[in-house]
Amino acid sequence: MKITTWTAMAVVVASLGGVTGMAQAAESTEPAVQIPGTDTGQFKVGDKIPDHFRRGSEEVKDWKARGLSAPEDDKSHWVRVNDKYVLVQLSNSVIEKIVPVKR
C-alpha cells in the first residue's frame, strides 16, 4: 500500500512540472525585440524604445516591398531592429507593432 501512495505522489508531482513548463512556453508567444545597447531586456508592443528610432535615418522606406502594413502618415514609421521590423510612433517612441523579418 505504501508503494501505491508513493507512486501516486510521484505521478502528481511529475504532472505539475509539465503544466508549469507549458505555462512558461505560452508566455513567450508575444512578439518582442531585443534592442542593442540597452540593458532593459525585451521590448514589446506598448513599450517605449530609445528616441533615436524616431529619426528618419532609421526608417524603413520600402515597407510595402517588405510586406509591411502602411504606417500612418507623419504619425509612425517602420524601423529594423535586429531580425524584427518595429512600427514606432513618432510622437513618443512607443512600439505599435513588431513583425519578424521574412527570410
N, C-alpha and C. Protein backbone atom coordinates (compact mmCIF):
# COMPACT_ATOMS: atom_id res chain seq x y z
N MET A 1 0.82 -1.19 0.00
CA MET A 1 0.00 0.00 0.00
C MET A 1 0.86 1.26 0.00
N LYS A 2 1.98 1.24 0.68
CA LYS A 2 2.86 2.39 0.70
C LYS A 2 3.44 2.67 -0.68
N ILE A 3 3.73 1.62 -1.43
CA ILE A 3 4.29 1.79 -2.78
C ILE A 3 3.26 2.48 -3.67
N THR A 4 2.00 2.15 -3.55
CA THR A 4 0.95 2.77 -4.34
C THR A 4 0.84 4.26 -4.02
N THR A 5 0.93 4.61 -2.76
CA THR A 5 0.86 6.01 -2.34
C THR A 5 2.03 6.80 -2.92
N TRP A 6 3.23 6.25 -2.81
CA TRP A 6 4.42 6.92 -3.34
C TRP A 6 4.33 7.06 -4.86
N THR A 7 3.83 6.05 -5.53
CA THR A 7 3.68 6.11 -6.98
C THR A 7 2.70 7.20 -7.37
N ALA A 8 1.57 7.28 -6.67
CA ALA A 8 0.56 8.29 -6.96
C ALA A 8 1.13 9.69 -6.73
N MET A 9 1.90 9.87 -5.66
CA MET A 9 2.51 11.17 -5.38
C MET A 9 3.51 11.55 -6.47
N ALA A 10 4.28 10.58 -6.93
CA ALA A 10 5.26 10.84 -7.99
C ALA A 10 4.57 11.27 -9.28
N VAL A 11 3.44 10.63 -9.60
CA VAL A 11 2.69 10.98 -10.80
C VAL A 11 2.16 12.42 -10.70
N VAL A 12 1.64 12.79 -9.55
CA VAL A 12 1.11 14.15 -9.35
C VAL A 12 2.23 15.18 -9.49
N VAL A 13 3.36 14.94 -8.85
CA VAL A 13 4.49 15.88 -8.93
C VAL A 13 4.98 16.01 -10.36
N ALA A 14 5.10 14.91 -11.07
CA ALA A 14 5.57 14.94 -12.46
C ALA A 14 4.59 15.70 -13.35
N SER A 15 3.30 15.52 -13.14
CA SER A 15 2.32 16.22 -13.97
C SER A 15 2.31 17.71 -13.69
N LEU A 16 2.53 18.12 -12.46
CA LEU A 16 2.59 19.55 -12.14
C LEU A 16 3.78 20.21 -12.81
N GLY A 17 4.88 19.53 -12.88
CA GLY A 17 6.06 20.05 -13.56
C GLY A 17 5.80 20.29 -15.03
N GLY A 18 5.06 19.42 -15.67
CA GLY A 18 4.72 19.59 -17.09
C GLY A 18 3.80 20.76 -17.32
N VAL A 19 2.86 21.00 -16.42
CA VAL A 19 1.94 22.14 -16.55
C VAL A 19 2.71 23.45 -16.43
N THR A 20 3.64 23.53 -15.51
CA THR A 20 4.44 24.74 -15.34
C THR A 20 5.23 25.03 -16.60
N GLY A 21 5.82 24.03 -17.20
CA GLY A 21 6.59 24.21 -18.43
C GLY A 21 5.72 24.72 -19.56
N MET A 22 4.50 24.22 -19.67
CA MET A 22 3.61 24.69 -20.73
C MET A 22 3.19 26.13 -20.49
N ALA A 23 2.95 26.52 -19.25
CA ALA A 23 2.57 27.88 -18.94
C ALA A 23 3.69 28.85 -19.28
N GLN A 24 4.92 28.48 -19.02
CA GLN A 24 6.05 29.33 -19.35
C GLN A 24 6.21 29.47 -20.85
N ALA A 25 5.99 28.42 -21.59
CA ALA A 25 6.11 28.47 -23.04
C ALA A 25 5.04 29.39 -23.62
N ALA A 26 3.85 29.39 -23.07
CA ALA A 26 2.77 30.22 -23.57
C ALA A 26 3.07 31.70 -23.38
N GLU A 27 3.78 32.07 -22.33
CA GLU A 27 4.09 33.46 -22.07
C GLU A 27 5.00 34.07 -23.13
N SER A 28 5.82 33.29 -23.77
CA SER A 28 6.82 33.82 -24.69
C SER A 28 6.30 33.98 -26.12
N THR A 29 5.00 33.83 -26.36
CA THR A 29 4.47 33.94 -27.71
C THR A 29 4.24 35.38 -28.13
N GLU A 30 4.22 36.33 -27.22
CA GLU A 30 4.05 37.73 -27.57
C GLU A 30 5.30 38.24 -28.27
N PRO A 31 5.15 38.93 -29.43
CA PRO A 31 6.33 39.41 -30.14
C PRO A 31 7.13 40.39 -29.28
N ALA A 32 8.43 40.24 -29.33
CA ALA A 32 9.32 41.13 -28.58
C ALA A 32 10.59 41.32 -29.39
N VAL A 33 11.34 42.36 -29.05
CA VAL A 33 12.58 42.66 -29.76
C VAL A 33 13.64 43.08 -28.75
N GLN A 34 14.86 42.59 -28.95
CA GLN A 34 16.00 42.99 -28.12
C GLN A 34 16.70 44.14 -28.83
N ILE A 35 16.86 45.25 -28.15
CA ILE A 35 17.50 46.41 -28.75
C ILE A 35 18.94 46.49 -28.29
N PRO A 36 19.88 46.46 -29.25
CA PRO A 36 21.31 46.50 -28.90
C PRO A 36 21.64 47.76 -28.08
N GLY A 37 22.53 47.59 -27.13
CA GLY A 37 22.97 48.72 -26.32
C GLY A 37 22.05 49.07 -25.17
N THR A 38 21.00 48.28 -24.97
CA THR A 38 20.10 48.53 -23.82
C THR A 38 20.21 47.35 -22.87
N ASP A 39 19.98 47.63 -21.62
CA ASP A 39 20.05 46.56 -20.62
C ASP A 39 18.67 46.26 -20.04
N THR A 40 17.63 46.71 -20.73
CA THR A 40 16.28 46.52 -20.20
C THR A 40 15.62 45.24 -20.69
N GLY A 41 16.33 44.44 -21.47
CA GLY A 41 15.78 43.17 -21.91
C GLY A 41 14.94 43.32 -23.16
N GLN A 42 13.85 42.62 -23.21
CA GLN A 42 12.98 42.59 -24.39
C GLN A 42 11.98 43.74 -24.37
N PHE A 43 11.78 44.35 -25.53
CA PHE A 43 10.76 45.37 -25.70
C PHE A 43 9.58 44.73 -26.41
N LYS A 44 8.36 45.10 -26.02
CA LYS A 44 7.17 44.56 -26.66
C LYS A 44 6.21 45.70 -27.01
N VAL A 45 5.13 45.39 -27.69
CA VAL A 45 4.15 46.40 -28.08
C VAL A 45 3.70 47.18 -26.85
N GLY A 46 3.69 48.51 -26.98
CA GLY A 46 3.30 49.39 -25.88
C GLY A 46 4.49 49.95 -25.12
N ASP A 47 5.68 49.34 -25.28
CA ASP A 47 6.88 49.83 -24.62
C ASP A 47 7.47 50.99 -25.40
N LYS A 48 8.18 51.87 -24.71
CA LYS A 48 8.89 52.98 -25.34
C LYS A 48 10.32 52.54 -25.60
N ILE A 49 10.78 52.74 -26.83
CA ILE A 49 12.15 52.38 -27.19
C ILE A 49 12.98 53.66 -27.30
N PRO A 50 14.30 53.54 -27.37
CA PRO A 50 15.14 54.74 -27.44
C PRO A 50 14.70 55.70 -28.55
N ASP A 51 14.75 56.99 -28.23
CA ASP A 51 14.23 58.02 -29.13
C ASP A 51 14.91 58.05 -30.50
N HIS A 52 16.14 57.58 -30.62
CA HIS A 52 16.80 57.69 -31.92
C HIS A 52 16.09 56.87 -33.01
N PHE A 53 15.21 55.96 -32.63
CA PHE A 53 14.45 55.20 -33.62
C PHE A 53 13.36 56.05 -34.28
N ARG A 54 13.14 57.25 -33.79
CA ARG A 54 12.17 58.17 -34.42
C ARG A 54 12.81 58.92 -35.57
N ARG A 55 14.13 58.91 -35.67
CA ARG A 55 14.83 59.65 -36.73
C ARG A 55 14.53 59.05 -38.10
N GLY A 56 14.48 59.92 -39.08
CA GLY A 56 14.24 59.49 -40.45
C GLY A 56 15.32 58.57 -40.99
N SER A 57 16.54 58.72 -40.46
CA SER A 57 17.65 57.88 -40.92
C SER A 57 17.46 56.41 -40.54
N GLU A 58 16.63 56.13 -39.56
CA GLU A 58 16.36 54.76 -39.12
C GLU A 58 15.17 54.14 -39.86
N GLU A 59 14.43 54.94 -40.59
CA GLU A 59 13.18 54.50 -41.20
C GLU A 59 13.39 53.48 -42.33
N VAL A 60 12.51 52.47 -42.35
CA VAL A 60 12.44 51.52 -43.46
C VAL A 60 11.47 52.14 -44.47
N LYS A 61 12.02 52.69 -45.55
CA LYS A 61 11.19 53.43 -46.51
C LYS A 61 10.46 52.51 -47.48
N ASP A 62 11.00 51.34 -47.74
CA ASP A 62 10.36 50.40 -48.69
C ASP A 62 9.50 49.37 -47.96
N TRP A 63 8.70 49.84 -47.03
CA TRP A 63 7.87 48.96 -46.19
C TRP A 63 6.92 48.10 -47.01
N LYS A 64 6.40 48.64 -48.10
CA LYS A 64 5.45 47.88 -48.92
C LYS A 64 6.14 46.67 -49.57
N ALA A 65 7.34 46.88 -50.09
CA ALA A 65 8.10 45.79 -50.72
C ALA A 65 8.48 44.71 -49.71
N ARG A 66 8.54 45.06 -48.45
CA ARG A 66 8.89 44.10 -47.39
C ARG A 66 7.66 43.42 -46.79
N GLY A 67 6.48 43.73 -47.34
CA GLY A 67 5.25 43.08 -46.88
C GLY A 67 4.70 43.65 -45.58
N LEU A 68 5.06 44.89 -45.27
CA LEU A 68 4.60 45.52 -44.03
C LEU A 68 3.38 46.39 -44.30
N SER A 69 2.57 46.60 -43.28
CA SER A 69 1.40 47.46 -43.42
C SER A 69 1.83 48.92 -43.52
N ALA A 70 0.97 49.74 -44.08
CA ALA A 70 1.28 51.16 -44.25
C ALA A 70 1.29 51.85 -42.89
N PRO A 71 2.34 52.61 -42.60
CA PRO A 71 2.34 53.40 -41.36
C PRO A 71 1.43 54.62 -41.55
N GLU A 72 0.93 55.15 -40.45
CA GLU A 72 0.12 56.36 -40.54
C GLU A 72 1.02 57.53 -40.92
N ASP A 73 0.62 58.30 -41.93
CA ASP A 73 1.43 59.43 -42.37
C ASP A 73 1.75 60.37 -41.21
N ASP A 74 3.02 60.66 -41.06
CA ASP A 74 3.52 61.60 -40.06
C ASP A 74 3.21 61.21 -38.60
N LYS A 75 2.74 59.99 -38.38
CA LYS A 75 2.46 59.55 -37.01
C LYS A 75 3.32 58.36 -36.59
N SER A 76 3.77 57.56 -37.56
CA SER A 76 4.59 56.39 -37.24
C SER A 76 5.43 56.02 -38.44
N HIS A 77 6.45 55.19 -38.20
CA HIS A 77 7.22 54.62 -39.30
C HIS A 77 7.85 53.31 -38.84
N TRP A 78 8.25 52.51 -39.84
CA TRP A 78 8.88 51.23 -39.58
C TRP A 78 10.38 51.40 -39.44
N VAL A 79 10.99 50.68 -38.50
CA VAL A 79 12.44 50.60 -38.37
C VAL A 79 12.80 49.13 -38.26
N ARG A 80 14.05 48.81 -38.61
CA ARG A 80 14.51 47.43 -38.44
C ARG A 80 15.42 47.38 -37.22
N VAL A 81 15.12 46.44 -36.35
CA VAL A 81 15.94 46.21 -35.16
C VAL A 81 16.27 44.72 -35.15
N ASN A 82 17.55 44.41 -35.40
CA ASN A 82 18.00 43.02 -35.49
C ASN A 82 17.17 42.27 -36.52
N ASP A 83 16.44 41.24 -36.12
CA ASP A 83 15.67 40.42 -37.04
C ASP A 83 14.17 40.72 -36.98
N LYS A 84 13.83 41.96 -36.60
CA LYS A 84 12.42 42.35 -36.48
C LYS A 84 12.21 43.72 -37.13
N TYR A 85 11.00 43.93 -37.66
CA TYR A 85 10.56 45.26 -38.05
C TYR A 85 9.67 45.77 -36.93
N VAL A 86 9.87 47.03 -36.57
CA VAL A 86 9.14 47.62 -35.45
C VAL A 86 8.46 48.89 -35.95
N LEU A 87 7.14 48.98 -35.75
CA LEU A 87 6.39 50.18 -36.09
C LEU A 87 6.41 51.08 -34.86
N VAL A 88 6.99 52.27 -35.02
CA VAL A 88 7.23 53.18 -33.90
C VAL A 88 6.41 54.46 -34.08
N GLN A 89 5.74 54.90 -33.02
CA GLN A 89 5.05 56.18 -33.04
C GLN A 89 6.09 57.29 -33.01
N LEU A 90 5.96 58.25 -33.91
CA LEU A 90 6.94 59.32 -33.99
C LEU A 90 6.83 60.33 -32.84
N SER A 91 5.66 60.45 -32.25
CA SER A 91 5.47 61.44 -31.19
C SER A 91 6.09 61.03 -29.86
N ASN A 92 6.18 59.70 -29.59
CA ASN A 92 6.61 59.30 -28.26
C ASN A 92 7.49 58.04 -28.21
N SER A 93 7.86 57.50 -29.37
CA SER A 93 8.73 56.30 -29.46
C SER A 93 8.10 55.02 -28.92
N VAL A 94 6.78 54.95 -28.87
CA VAL A 94 6.10 53.76 -28.38
C VAL A 94 5.92 52.77 -29.54
N ILE A 95 6.17 51.50 -29.25
CA ILE A 95 6.04 50.44 -30.25
C ILE A 95 4.57 50.13 -30.49
N GLU A 96 4.17 50.18 -31.77
CA GLU A 96 2.80 49.84 -32.16
C GLU A 96 2.68 48.40 -32.62
N LYS A 97 3.74 47.90 -33.29
CA LYS A 97 3.68 46.55 -33.85
C LYS A 97 5.09 46.02 -34.02
N ILE A 98 5.25 44.69 -33.89
CA ILE A 98 6.53 44.01 -34.12
C ILE A 98 6.28 42.87 -35.09
N VAL A 99 7.10 42.80 -36.16
CA VAL A 99 6.93 41.78 -37.19
C VAL A 99 8.30 41.16 -37.48
N PRO A 100 8.40 39.84 -37.47
CA PRO A 100 9.69 39.21 -37.83
C PRO A 100 10.06 39.49 -39.28
N VAL A 101 11.35 39.60 -39.53
CA VAL A 101 11.85 39.75 -40.89
C VAL A 101 11.65 38.44 -41.63
N LYS A 102 11.07 38.50 -42.82
CA LYS A 102 10.88 37.29 -43.63
C LYS A 102 12.18 36.98 -44.35
N ARG A 103 12.58 35.74 -44.30
CA ARG A 103 13.84 35.32 -44.94
C ARG A 103 13.56 34.52 -46.16
